[in-house]
């Protein structure tokens, strides 16, 4: 999921660019540009990884990512519950078959 080689490439590239900016620009502007670059590059890298984890097709109707939404194959995009008394799968607060409120979440 997280590639350290790409992260190190981004880190050293931002270090080289910030050193070059500090050599070209005068003191307060070069330092500000270097700090902004050190903040902006990791944010862009995180956004890229989060988009890759979420999936590119946000409009395609699929539930968008996370750890729980990735593996759900059922078409119902919600949490289903399993009754602990009668083992009935349902949605909502109490079991429609036996009326028990003892249930566990089934992702």
PDB file of N, CA and C in Angstrom:
ATOM      1  N   UNK A   1       0.833  -1.183   0.000  1.00  0.00           N
ATOM      2  CA  UNK A   1       0.000   0.000   0.000  1.00  0.00           C
ATOM      3  C   UNK A   1       0.880   1.250   0.000  1.00  0.00           C
ATOM      4  N   UNK A   2       1.833   1.340   0.913  1.00  0.00           N
ATOM      5  CA  UNK A   2       2.665   2.522   1.009  1.00  0.00           C
ATOM      6  C   UNK A   2       4.058   2.165   0.520  1.00  0.00           C
ATOM      7  N   UNK A   3       4.529   2.881  -0.486  1.00  0.00           N
ATOM      8  CA  UNK A   3       5.803   2.571  -1.106  1.00  0.00           C
ATOM      9  C   UNK A   3       6.869   3.517  -0.564  1.00  0.00           C
ATOM     10  N   UNK A   4       7.825   2.989   0.202  1.00  0.00           N
ATOM     11  CA  UNK A   4       8.861   3.818   0.806  1.00  0.00           C
ATOM     12  C   UNK A   4       9.841   4.360  -0.224  1.00  0.00           C
ATOM     13  N   UNK A   5      10.037   3.643  -1.312  1.00  0.00           N
ATOM     14  CA  UNK A   5      10.953   4.107  -2.352  1.00  0.00           C
ATOM     15  C   UNK A   5      10.431   5.406  -2.979  1.00  0.00           C
ATOM     16  N   UNK A   6       9.144   5.449  -3.282  1.00  0.00           N
ATOM     17  CA  UNK A   6       8.547   6.663  -3.839  1.00  0.00           C
ATOM     18  C   UNK A   6       8.590   7.799  -2.826  1.00  0.00           C
ATOM     19  N   UNK A   7       8.331   7.465  -1.555  1.00  0.00           N
ATOM     20  CA  UNK A   7       8.369   8.493  -0.513  1.00  0.00           C
ATOM     21  C   UNK A   7       9.767   9.077  -0.377  1.00  0.00           C
ATOM     22  N   UNK A   8      10.794   8.244  -0.420  1.00  0.00           N
ATOM     23  CA  UNK A   8      12.168   8.743  -0.326  1.00  0.00           C
ATOM     24  C   UNK A   8      12.552   9.567  -1.549  1.00  0.00           C
ATOM     25  N   UNK A   9      12.080   9.172  -2.718  1.00  0.00           N
ATOM     26  CA  UNK A   9      12.345   9.968  -3.923  1.00  0.00           C
ATOM     27  C   UNK A   9      11.735  11.352  -3.782  1.00  0.00           C
ATOM     28  N   UNK A  10      10.471  11.409  -3.309  1.00  0.00           N
ATOM     29  CA  UNK A  10       9.828  12.704  -3.089  1.00  0.00           C
ATOM     30  C   UNK A  10      10.561  13.522  -2.028  1.00  0.00           C
ATOM     31  N   UNK A  11      11.012  12.854  -0.959  1.00  0.00           N
ATOM     32  CA  UNK A  11      11.703  13.555   0.118  1.00  0.00           C
ATOM     33  C   UNK A  11      13.014  14.168  -0.364  1.00  0.00           C
ATOM     34  N   UNK A  12      13.816  13.377  -1.082  1.00  0.00           N
ATOM     35  CA  UNK A  12      15.102  13.901  -1.552  1.00  0.00           C
ATOM     36  C   UNK A  12      14.934  14.911  -2.682  1.00  0.00           C
ATOM     37  N   UNK A  13      13.903  14.756  -3.497  1.00  0.00           N
ATOM     38  CA  UNK A  13      13.641  15.751  -4.535  1.00  0.00           C
ATOM     39  C   UNK A  13      13.235  17.080  -3.909  1.00  0.00           C
ATOM     40  N   UNK A  14      12.397  17.030  -2.883  1.00  0.00           N
ATOM     41  CA  UNK A  14      12.000  18.276  -2.219  1.00  0.00           C
ATOM     42  C   UNK A  14      13.180  18.895  -1.486  1.00  0.00           C
ATOM     43  N   UNK A  15      14.077  18.074  -0.944  1.00  0.00           N
ATOM     44  CA  UNK A  15      15.276  18.597  -0.287  1.00  0.00           C
ATOM     45  C   UNK A  15      16.182  19.290  -1.294  1.00  0.00           C
ATOM     46  N   UNK A  16      16.375  18.682  -2.459  1.00  0.00           N
ATOM     47  CA  UNK A  16      17.234  19.282  -3.480  1.00  0.00           C
ATOM     48  C   UNK A  16      16.633  20.578  -4.016  1.00  0.00           C
ATOM     49  N   UNK A  17      15.326  20.588  -4.245  1.00  0.00           N
ATOM     50  CA  UNK A  17      14.676  21.801  -4.751  1.00  0.00           C
ATOM     51  C   UNK A  17      14.720  22.905  -3.708  1.00  0.00           C
ATOM     52  N   UNK A  18      14.518  22.553  -2.436  1.00  0.00           N
ATOM     53  CA  UNK A  18      14.551  23.585  -1.394  1.00  0.00           C
ATOM     54  C   UNK A  18      15.956  24.153  -1.202  1.00  0.00           C
ATOM     55  N   UNK A  19      16.986  23.330  -1.323  1.00  0.00           N
ATOM     56  CA  UNK A  19      18.360  23.851  -1.242  1.00  0.00           C
ATOM     57  C   UNK A  19      18.640  24.762  -2.430  1.00  0.00           C
ATOM     58  N   UNK A  20      18.172  24.366  -3.619  1.00  0.00           N
ATOM     59  CA  UNK A  20      18.342  25.232  -4.786  1.00  0.00           C
ATOM     60  C   UNK A  20      17.608  26.553  -4.632  1.00  0.00           C
ATOM     61  N   UNK A  21      16.395  26.526  -4.065  1.00  0.00           N
ATOM     62  CA  UNK A  21      15.659  27.775  -3.839  1.00  0.00           C
ATOM     63  C   UNK A  21      16.349  28.660  -2.814  1.00  0.00           C
ATOM     64  N   UNK A  22      16.950  28.056  -1.797  1.00  0.00           N
ATOM     65  CA  UNK A  22      17.648  28.848  -0.795  1.00  0.00           C
ATOM     66  C   UNK A  22      18.912  29.479  -1.355  1.00  0.00           C
ATOM     67  N   UNK A  23      19.512  28.840  -2.344  1.00  0.00           N
ATOM     68  CA  UNK A  23      20.706  29.422  -2.950  1.00  0.00           C
ATOM     69  C   UNK A  23      20.348  30.553  -3.906  1.00  0.00           C
ATOM     70  N   UNK A  24      19.172  30.476  -4.549  1.00  0.00           N
ATOM     71  CA  UNK A  24      18.774  31.470  -5.530  1.00  0.00           C
ATOM     72  C   UNK A  24      18.103  32.678  -4.873  1.00  0.00           C
ATOM     73  N   UNK A  25      17.169  32.424  -3.958  1.00  0.00           N
ATOM     74  CA  UNK A  25      16.393  33.498  -3.334  1.00  0.00           C
ATOM     75  C   UNK A  25      17.124  34.069  -2.116  1.00  0.00           C
ATOM     76  N   UNK A  26      16.850  35.324  -1.767  1.00  0.00           N
ATOM     77  CA  UNK A  26      17.445  35.879  -0.553  1.00  0.00           C
ATOM     78  C   UNK A  26      16.911  35.177   0.696  1.00  0.00           C
ATOM     79  N   UNK A  27      17.532  35.472   1.856  1.00  0.00           N
ATOM     80  CA  UNK A  27      17.329  34.702   3.078  1.00  0.00           C
ATOM     81  C   UNK A  27      15.872  34.500   3.508  1.00  0.00           C
ATOM     82  N   UNK A  28      15.090  35.481   3.800  1.00  0.00           N
ATOM     83  CA  UNK A  28      13.766  35.138   4.351  1.00  0.00           C
ATOM     84  C   UNK A  28      12.849  34.468   3.321  1.00  0.00           C
ATOM     85  N   UNK A  29      12.980  34.852   2.043  1.00  0.00           N
ATOM     86  CA  UNK A  29      12.116  34.270   1.005  1.00  0.00           C
ATOM     87  C   UNK A  29      12.514  32.822   0.696  1.00  0.00           C
ATOM     88  N   UNK A  30      13.786  32.536   0.666  1.00  0.00           N
ATOM     89  CA  UNK A  30      14.258  31.182   0.407  1.00  0.00           C
ATOM     90  C   UNK A  30      13.853  30.218   1.514  1.00  0.00           C
ATOM     91  N   UNK A  31      13.941  30.693   2.768  1.00  0.00           N
ATOM     92  CA  UNK A  31      13.545  29.849   3.892  1.00  0.00           C
ATOM     93  C   UNK A  31      12.047  29.581   3.866  1.00  0.00           C
ATOM     94  N   UNK A  32      11.254  30.602   3.559  1.00  0.00           N
ATOM     95  CA  UNK A  32       9.804  30.426   3.471  1.00  0.00           C
ATOM     96  C   UNK A  32       9.416  29.482   2.343  1.00  0.00           C
ATOM     97  N   UNK A  33      10.077  29.609   1.202  1.00  0.00           N
ATOM     98  CA  UNK A  33       9.783  28.727   0.071  1.00  0.00           C
ATOM     99  C   UNK A  33      10.179  27.286   0.386  1.00  0.00           C
ATOM    100  N   UNK A  34      11.309  27.102   1.080  1.00  0.00           N
ATOM    101  CA  UNK A  34      11.748  25.751   1.436  1.00  0.00           C
ATOM    102  C   UNK A  34      10.786  25.109   2.424  1.00  0.00           C
ATOM    103  N   UNK A  35      10.325  25.866   3.413  1.00  0.00           N
ATOM    104  CA  UNK A  35       9.361  25.324   4.373  1.00  0.00           C
ATOM    105  C   UNK A  35       8.029  25.002   3.700  1.00  0.00           C
ATOM    106  N   UNK A  36       7.590  25.871   2.801  1.00  0.00           N
ATOM    107  CA  UNK A  36       6.339  25.610   2.085  1.00  0.00           C
ATOM    108  C   UNK A  36       6.467  24.353   1.223  1.00  0.00           C
ATOM    109  N   UNK A  37       7.617  24.155   0.617  1.00  0.00           N
ATOM    110  CA  UNK A  37       7.842  22.966  -0.199  1.00  0.00           C
ATOM    111  C   UNK A  37       7.883  21.701   0.648  1.00  0.00           C
ATOM    112  N   UNK A  38       8.519  21.788   1.831  1.00  0.00           N
ATOM    113  CA  UNK A  38       8.577  20.633   2.724  1.00  0.00           C
ATOM    114  C   UNK A  38       7.202  20.277   3.269  1.00  0.00           C
ATOM    115  N   UNK A  39       6.300  21.250   3.341  1.00  0.00           N
ATOM    116  CA  UNK A  39       4.930  20.973   3.794  1.00  0.00           C
ATOM    117  C   UNK A  39       4.069  20.499   2.631  1.00  0.00           C
ATOM    118  N   UNK A  40       4.245  21.074   1.453  1.00  0.00           N
ATOM    119  CA  UNK A  40       3.368  20.777   0.315  1.00  0.00           C
ATOM    120  C   UNK A  40       3.629  19.395  -0.289  1.00  0.00           C
ATOM    121  N   UNK A  41       4.884  18.959  -0.400  1.00  0.00           N
ATOM    122  CA  UNK A  41       5.172  17.679  -1.039  1.00  0.00           C
ATOM    123  C   UNK A  41       4.576  16.483  -0.297  1.00  0.00           C
ATOM    124  N   UNK A  42       4.737  16.382   1.037  1.00  0.00           N
ATOM    125  CA  UNK A  42       4.084  15.244   1.717  1.00  0.00           C
ATOM    126  C   UNK A  42       2.560  15.294   1.646  1.00  0.00           C
ATOM    127  N   UNK A  43       1.972  16.492   1.633  1.00  0.00           N
ATOM    128  CA  UNK A  43       0.522  16.587   1.509  1.00  0.00           C
ATOM    129  C   UNK A  43       0.056  16.078   0.149  1.00  0.00           C
ATOM    130  N   UNK A  44       0.777  16.425  -0.908  1.00  0.00           N
ATOM    131  CA  UNK A  44       0.434  15.919  -2.238  1.00  0.00           C
ATOM    132  C   UNK A  44       0.603  14.405  -2.325  1.00  0.00           C
ATOM    133  N   UNK A  45       1.648  13.902  -1.698  1.00  0.00           N
ATOM    134  CA  UNK A  45       1.882  12.463  -1.711  1.00  0.00           C
ATOM    135  C   UNK A  45       0.788  11.727  -0.945  1.00  0.00           C
ATOM    136  N   UNK A  46       0.357  12.260   0.198  1.00  0.00           N
ATOM    137  CA  UNK A  46      -0.735  11.646   0.959  1.00  0.00           C
ATOM    138  C   UNK A  46      -2.032  11.672   0.179  1.00  0.00           C
ATOM    139  N   UNK A  47      -2.311  12.786  -0.489  1.00  0.00           N
ATOM    140  CA  UNK A  47      -3.540  12.874  -1.278  1.00  0.00           C
ATOM    141  C   UNK A  47      -3.530  11.844  -2.408  1.00  0.00           C
ATOM    142  N   UNK A  48      -2.362  11.645  -3.007  1.00  0.00           N
ATOM    143  CA  UNK A  48      -2.244  10.666  -4.079  1.00  0.00           C
ATOM    144  C   UNK A  48      -2.506   9.253  -3.569  1.00  0.00           C
ATOM    145  N   UNK A  49      -1.940   8.923  -2.395  1.00  0.00           N
ATOM    146  CA  UNK A  49      -2.164   7.596  -1.834  1.00  0.00           C
ATOM    147  C   UNK A  49      -3.602   7.413  -1.373  1.00  0.00           C
ATOM    148  N   UNK A  50      -4.228   8.456  -0.832  1.00  0.00           N
ATOM    149  CA  UNK A  50      -5.616   8.334  -0.390  1.00  0.00           C
ATOM    150  C   UNK A  50      -6.551   8.174  -1.582  1.00  0.00           C
ATOM    151  N   UNK A  51      -6.266   8.858  -2.696  1.00  0.00           N
ATOM    152  CA  UNK A  51      -7.072   8.675  -3.898  1.00  0.00           C
ATOM    153  C   UNK A  51      -6.911   7.258  -4.451  1.00  0.00           C
ATOM    154  N   UNK A  52      -5.728   6.713  -4.353  1.00  0.00           N
ATOM    155  CA  UNK A  52      -5.499   5.356  -4.830  1.00  0.00           C
ATOM    156  C   UNK A  52      -6.219   4.345  -3.941  1.00  0.00           C
ATOM    157  N   UNK A  53      -6.256   4.611  -2.620  1.00  0.00           N
ATOM    158  CA  UNK A  53      -6.933   3.693  -1.716  1.00  0.00           C
ATOM    159  C   UNK A  53      -8.450   3.801  -1.867  1.00  0.00           C
ATOM    160  N   UNK A  54      -8.962   4.996  -2.087  1.00  0.00           N
ATOM    161  CA  UNK A  54     -10.403   5.213  -2.222  1.00  0.00           C
ATOM    162  C   UNK A  54     -10.913   4.662  -3.535  1.00  0.00           C
ATOM    163  N   UNK A  55     -10.105   4.714  -4.551  1.00  0.00           N
ATOM    164  CA  UNK A  55     -10.528   4.272  -5.873  1.00  0.00           C
ATOM    165  C   UNK A  55     -10.784   5.490  -6.736  1.00  0.00           C
ATOM    166  N   UNK A  56     -10.557   5.335  -8.010  1.00  0.00           N
ATOM    167  CA  UNK A  56     -10.666   6.480  -8.908  1.00  0.00           C
ATOM    168  C   UNK A  56     -12.099   6.758  -9.318  1.00  0.00           C
ATOM    169  N   UNK A  57     -12.950   5.740  -9.361  1.00  0.00           N
ATOM    170  CA  UNK A  57     -14.314   5.926  -9.837  1.00  0.00           C
ATOM    171  C   UNK A  57     -15.256   6.327  -8.727  1.00  0.00           C
ATOM    172  N   UNK A  58     -15.196   7.551  -8.235  1.00  0.00           N
ATOM    173  CA  UNK A  58     -16.081   7.989  -7.177  1.00  0.00           C
ATOM    174  C   UNK A  58     -17.517   8.125  -7.641  1.00  0.00           C
ATOM    175  N   UNK A  59     -17.750   8.361  -8.934  1.00  0.00           N
ATOM    176  CA  UNK A  59     -19.106   8.539  -9.449  1.00  0.00           C
ATOM    177  C   UNK A  59     -19.722   7.233  -9.921  1.00  0.00           C
ATOM    178  N   UNK A  60     -18.991   6.150  -9.852  1.00  0.00           N
ATOM    179  CA  UNK A  60     -19.476   4.901 -10.428  1.00  0.00           C
ATOM    180  C   UNK A  60     -20.477   4.181  -9.545  1.00  0.00           C
ATOM    181  N   UNK A  61     -20.822   4.738  -8.387  1.00  0.00           N
ATOM    182  CA  UNK A  61     -21.828   4.135  -7.538  1.00  0.00           C
ATOM    183  C   UNK A  61     -21.261   3.198  -6.495  1.00  0.00           C
ATOM    184  N   UNK A  62     -19.972   2.961  -6.502  1.00  0.00           N
ATOM    185  CA  UNK A  62     -19.398   2.093  -5.492  1.00  0.00           C
ATOM    186  C   UNK A  62     -19.188   2.887  -4.223  1.00  0.00           C
ATOM    187  N   UNK A  63     -19.308   2.199  -3.095  1.00  0.00           N
ATOM    188  CA  UNK A  63     -19.060   2.890  -1.832  1.00  0.00           C
ATOM    189  C   UNK A  63     -17.579   3.188  -1.741  1.00  0.00           C
ATOM    190  N   UNK A  64     -17.223   4.365  -1.330  1.00  0.00           N
ATOM    191  CA  UNK A  64     -15.870   4.830  -1.511  1.00  0.00           C
ATOM    192  C   UNK A  64     -14.894   4.452  -0.449  1.00  0.00           C
ATOM    193  N   UNK A  65     -14.300   3.317  -0.524  1.00  0.00           N
ATOM    194  CA  UNK A  65     -13.091   2.961   0.151  1.00  0.00           C
ATOM    195  C   UNK A  65     -13.163   2.770   1.645  1.00  0.00           C
ATOM    196  N   UNK A  66     -12.049   3.084   2.297  1.00  0.00           N
ATOM    197  CA  UNK A  66     -11.927   2.780   3.693  1.00  0.00           C
ATOM    198  C   UNK A  66     -11.583   1.307   3.853  1.00  0.00           C
ATOM    199  N   UNK A  67     -11.557   0.855   5.095  1.00  0.00           N
ATOM    200  CA  UNK A  67     -11.245  -0.552   5.315  1.00  0.00           C
ATOM    201  C   UNK A  67     -12.498  -1.412   5.284  1.00  0.00           C
ATOM    202  N   UNK A  68     -13.643  -0.867   5.706  1.00  0.00           N
ATOM    203  CA  UNK A  68     -14.840  -1.680   5.779  1.00  0.00           C
ATOM    204  C   UNK A  68     -15.579  -1.716   4.454  1.00  0.00           C
ATOM    205  N   UNK A  69     -15.496  -0.672   3.644  1.00  0.00           N
ATOM    206  CA  UNK A  69     -16.260  -0.617   2.418  1.00  0.00           C
ATOM    207  C   UNK A  69     -15.618  -1.312   1.240  1.00  0.00           C
ATOM    208  N   UNK A  70     -14.371  -1.735   1.364  1.00  0.00           N
ATOM    209  CA  UNK A  70     -13.673  -2.281   0.210  1.00  0.00           C
ATOM    210  C   UNK A  70     -14.157  -3.678  -0.151  1.00  0.00           C
ATOM    211  N   UNK A  71     -14.383  -4.554   0.825  1.00  0.00           N
ATOM    212  CA  UNK A  71     -14.642  -5.944   0.503  1.00  0.00           C
ATOM    213  C   UNK A  71     -16.105  -6.319   0.459  1.00  0.00           C
ATOM    214  N   UNK A  72     -17.003  -5.375   0.631  1.00  0.00           N
ATOM    215  CA  UNK A  72     -18.413  -5.744   0.659  1.00  0.00           C
ATOM    216  C   UNK A  72     -18.911  -5.967  -0.760  1.00  0.00           C
ATOM    217  N   UNK A  73     -19.330  -7.195  -1.047  1.00  0.00           N
ATOM    218  CA  UNK A  73     -19.786  -7.544  -2.379  1.00  0.00           C
ATOM    219  C   UNK A  73     -21.288  -7.371  -2.533  1.00  0.00           C
ATOM    220  N   UNK A  74     -22.013  -7.314  -1.421  1.00  0.00           N
ATOM    221  CA  UNK A  74     -23.460  -7.180  -1.495  1.00  0.00           C
ATOM    222  C   UNK A  74     -23.842  -5.823  -2.044  1.00  0.00           C
ATOM    223  N   UNK A  75     -24.951  -5.774  -2.776  1.00  0.00           N
ATOM    224  CA  UNK A  75     -25.387  -4.536  -3.383  1.00  0.00           C
ATOM    225  C   UNK A  75     -25.927  -3.530  -2.377  1.00  0.00           C
ATOM    226  N   UNK A  76     -26.330  -3.994  -1.199  1.00  0.00           N
ATOM    227  CA  UNK A  76     -26.841  -3.071  -0.192  1.00  0.00           C
ATOM    228  C   UNK A  76     -25.669  -2.375   0.463  1.00  0.00           C
ATOM    229  N   UNK A  77     -25.580  -1.081   0.324  1.00  0.00           N
ATOM    230  CA  UNK A  77     -24.437  -0.341   0.817  1.00  0.00           C
ATOM    231  C   UNK A  77     -24.607   0.113   2.246  1.00  0.00           C
ATOM    232  N   UNK A  78     -24.995  -0.748   3.168  1.00  0.00           N
ATOM    233  CA  UNK A  78     -25.165  -0.366   4.548  1.00  0.00           C
ATOM    234  C   UNK A  78     -24.713  -1.469   5.478  1.00  0.00           C
ATOM    235  N   UNK A  79     -24.903  -1.221   6.769  1.00  0.00           N
ATOM    236  CA  UNK A  79     -24.553  -2.208   7.772  1.00  0.00           C
ATOM    237  C   UNK A  79     -25.747  -3.134   7.977  1.00  0.00           C
ATOM    238  N   UNK A  80     -25.481  -4.394   7.933  1.00  0.00           N
ATOM    239  CA  UNK A  80     -26.532  -5.376   8.215  1.00  0.00           C
ATOM    240  C   UNK A  80     -26.247  -5.965   9.580  1.00  0.00           C
ATOM    241  N   UNK A  81     -27.292  -6.386  10.260  1.00  0.00           N
ATOM    242  CA  UNK A  81     -27.166  -6.943  11.595  1.00  0.00           C
ATOM    243  C   UNK A  81     -27.593  -8.400  11.592  1.00  0.00           C
ATOM    244  N   UNK A  82     -27.006  -9.181  12.494  1.00  0.00           N
ATOM    245  CA  UNK A  82     -27.353 -10.585  12.658  1.00  0.00           C
ATOM    246  C   UNK A  82     -27.884 -10.751  14.072  1.00  0.00           C
ATOM    247  N   UNK A  83     -29.073 -11.274  14.177  1.00  0.00           N
ATOM    248  CA  UNK A  83     -29.703 -11.508  15.473  1.00  0.00           C
ATOM    249  C   UNK A  83     -28.950 -12.619  16.195  1.00  0.00           C
ATOM    250  N   UNK A  84     -28.654 -12.420  17.487  1.00  0.00           N
ATOM    251  CA  UNK A  84     -27.935 -13.434  18.243  1.00  0.00           C
ATOM    252  C   UNK A  84     -28.861 -14.540  18.737  1.00  0.00           C
ATOM    253  N   UNK A  85     -30.151 -14.286  18.771  1.00  0.00           N
ATOM    254  CA  UNK A  85     -31.089 -15.296  19.249  1.00  0.00           C
ATOM    255  C   UNK A  85     -31.473 -16.280  18.142  1.00  0.00           C
ATOM    256  N   UNK A  86     -31.859 -15.752  16.959  1.00  0.00           N
ATOM    257  CA  UNK A  86     -32.353 -16.642  15.898  1.00  0.00           C
ATOM    258  C   UNK A  86     -31.476 -16.642  14.652  1.00  0.00           C
ATOM    259  N   UNK A  87     -30.380 -15.907  14.644  1.00  0.00           N
ATOM    260  CA  UNK A  87     -29.412 -15.876  13.542  1.00  0.00           C
ATOM    261  C   UNK A  87     -30.026 -15.345  12.244  1.00  0.00           C
ATOM    262  N   UNK A  88     -30.948 -14.392  12.360  1.00  0.00           N
ATOM    263  CA  UNK A  88     -31.593 -13.790  11.193  1.00  0.00           C
ATOM    264  C   UNK A  88     -30.826 -12.528  10.792  1.00  0.00           C
ATOM    265  N   UNK A  89     -30.538 -12.364   9.492  1.00  0.00           N
ATOM    266  CA  UNK A  89     -29.880 -11.151   9.007  1.00  0.00           C
ATOM    267  C   UNK A  89     -30.948 -10.120   8.665  1.00  0.00           C
ATOM    268  N   UNK A  90     -30.745  -8.900   9.162  1.00  0.00           N
ATOM    269  CA  UNK A  90     -31.737  -7.848   8.954  1.00  0.00           C
ATOM    270  C   UNK A  90     -31.082  -6.485   9.070  1.00  0.00           C
ATOM    271  N   UNK A  91     -31.847  -5.455   8.744  1.00  0.00           N
ATOM    272  CA  UNK A  91     -31.424  -4.066   8.936  1.00  0.00           C
ATOM    273  C   UNK A  91     -32.301  -3.468  10.018  1.00  0.00           C
ATOM    274  N   UNK A  92     -31.733  -2.613  10.851  1.00  0.00           N
ATOM    275  CA  UNK A  92     -32.560  -1.918  11.817  1.00  0.00           C
ATOM    276  C   UNK A  92     -32.262  -2.296  13.239  1.00  0.00           C
ATOM    277  N   UNK A  93     -33.156  -1.845  14.151  1.00  0.00           N
ATOM    278  CA  UNK A  93     -32.911  -1.957  15.579  1.00  0.00           C
ATOM    279  C   UNK A  93     -33.207  -3.314  16.162  1.00  0.00           C
ATOM    280  N   UNK A  94     -34.395  -3.838  15.948  1.00  0.00           N
ATOM    281  CA  UNK A  94     -34.741  -5.127  16.536  1.00  0.00           C
ATOM    282  C   UNK A  94     -35.019  -6.135  15.419  1.00  0.00           C
ATOM    283  N   UNK A  95     -34.910  -7.395  15.777  1.00  0.00           N
ATOM    284  CA  UNK A  95     -35.094  -8.467  14.797  1.00  0.00           C
ATOM    285  C   UNK A  95     -36.566  -8.555  14.394  1.00  0.00           C
ATOM    286  N   UNK A  96     -36.867  -8.578  13.093  1.00  0.00           N
ATOM    287  CA  UNK A  96     -38.263  -8.674  12.676  1.00  0.00           C
ATOM    288  C   UNK A  96     -38.867 -10.064  12.919  1.00  0.00           C
ATOM    289  N   UNK A  97     -38.027 -11.088  13.047  1.00  0.00           N
ATOM    290  CA  UNK A  97     -38.538 -12.443  13.249  1.00  0.00           C
ATOM    291  C   UNK A  97     -38.903 -12.713  14.708  1.00  0.00           C
ATOM    292  N   UNK A  98     -37.952 -12.410  15.647  1.00  0.00           N
ATOM    293  CA  UNK A  98     -38.208 -12.760  17.040  1.00  0.00           C
ATOM    294  C   UNK A  98     -38.350 -11.547  17.954  1.00  0.00           C
ATOM    295  N   UNK A  99     -38.008 -10.341  17.483  1.00  0.00           N
ATOM    296  CA  UNK A  99     -38.144  -9.126  18.290  1.00  0.00           C
ATOM    297  C   UNK A  99     -36.998  -8.863  19.243  1.00  0.00           C
ATOM    298  N   UNK A 100     -35.955  -9.676  19.188  1.00  0.00           N
ATOM    299  CA  UNK A 100     -34.815  -9.494  20.082  1.00  0.00           C
ATOM    300  C   UNK A 100     -33.984  -8.288  19.654  1.00  0.00           C
ATOM    301  N   UNK A 101     -33.432  -7.590  20.645  1.00  0.00           N
ATOM    302  CA  UNK A 101     -32.566  -6.466  20.344  1.00  0.00           C
ATOM    303  C   UNK A 101     -31.087  -6.820  20.467  1.00  0.00           C
ATOM    304  N   UNK A 102     -30.790  -8.070  20.773  1.00  0.00           N
ATOM    305  CA  UNK A 102     -29.403  -8.524  20.857  1.00  0.00           C
ATOM    306  C   UNK A 102     -28.934  -8.871  19.448  1.00  0.00           C
ATOM    307  N   UNK A 103     -27.935  -8.141  18.958  1.00  0.00           N
ATOM    308  CA  UNK A 103     -27.484  -8.324  17.585  1.00  0.00           C
ATOM    309  C   UNK A 103     -26.026  -7.956  17.465  1.00  0.00           C
ATOM    310  N   UNK A 104     -25.428  -8.396  16.385  1.00  0.00           N
ATOM    311  CA  UNK A 104     -24.042  -8.013  16.069  1.00  0.00           C
ATOM    312  C   UNK A 104     -24.023  -7.453  14.650  1.00  0.00           C
ATOM    313  N   UNK A 105     -23.084  -6.560  14.407  1.00  0.00           N
ATOM    314  CA  UNK A 105     -22.971  -5.938  13.085  1.00  0.00           C
ATOM    315  C   UNK A 105     -22.265  -6.883  12.140  1.00  0.00           C
ATOM    316  N   UNK A 106     -22.739  -6.933  10.902  1.00  0.00           N
ATOM    317  CA  UNK A 106     -22.143  -7.774   9.866  1.00  0.00           C
ATOM    318  C   UNK A 106     -21.788  -6.853   8.702  1.00  0.00           C
ATOM    319  N   UNK A 107     -20.465  -6.659   8.473  1.00  0.00           N
ATOM    320  CA  UNK A 107     -20.029  -5.715   7.441  1.00  0.00           C
ATOM    321  C   UNK A 107     -19.980  -6.391   6.107  1.00  0.00           C
TER     322      UNK A 107
END
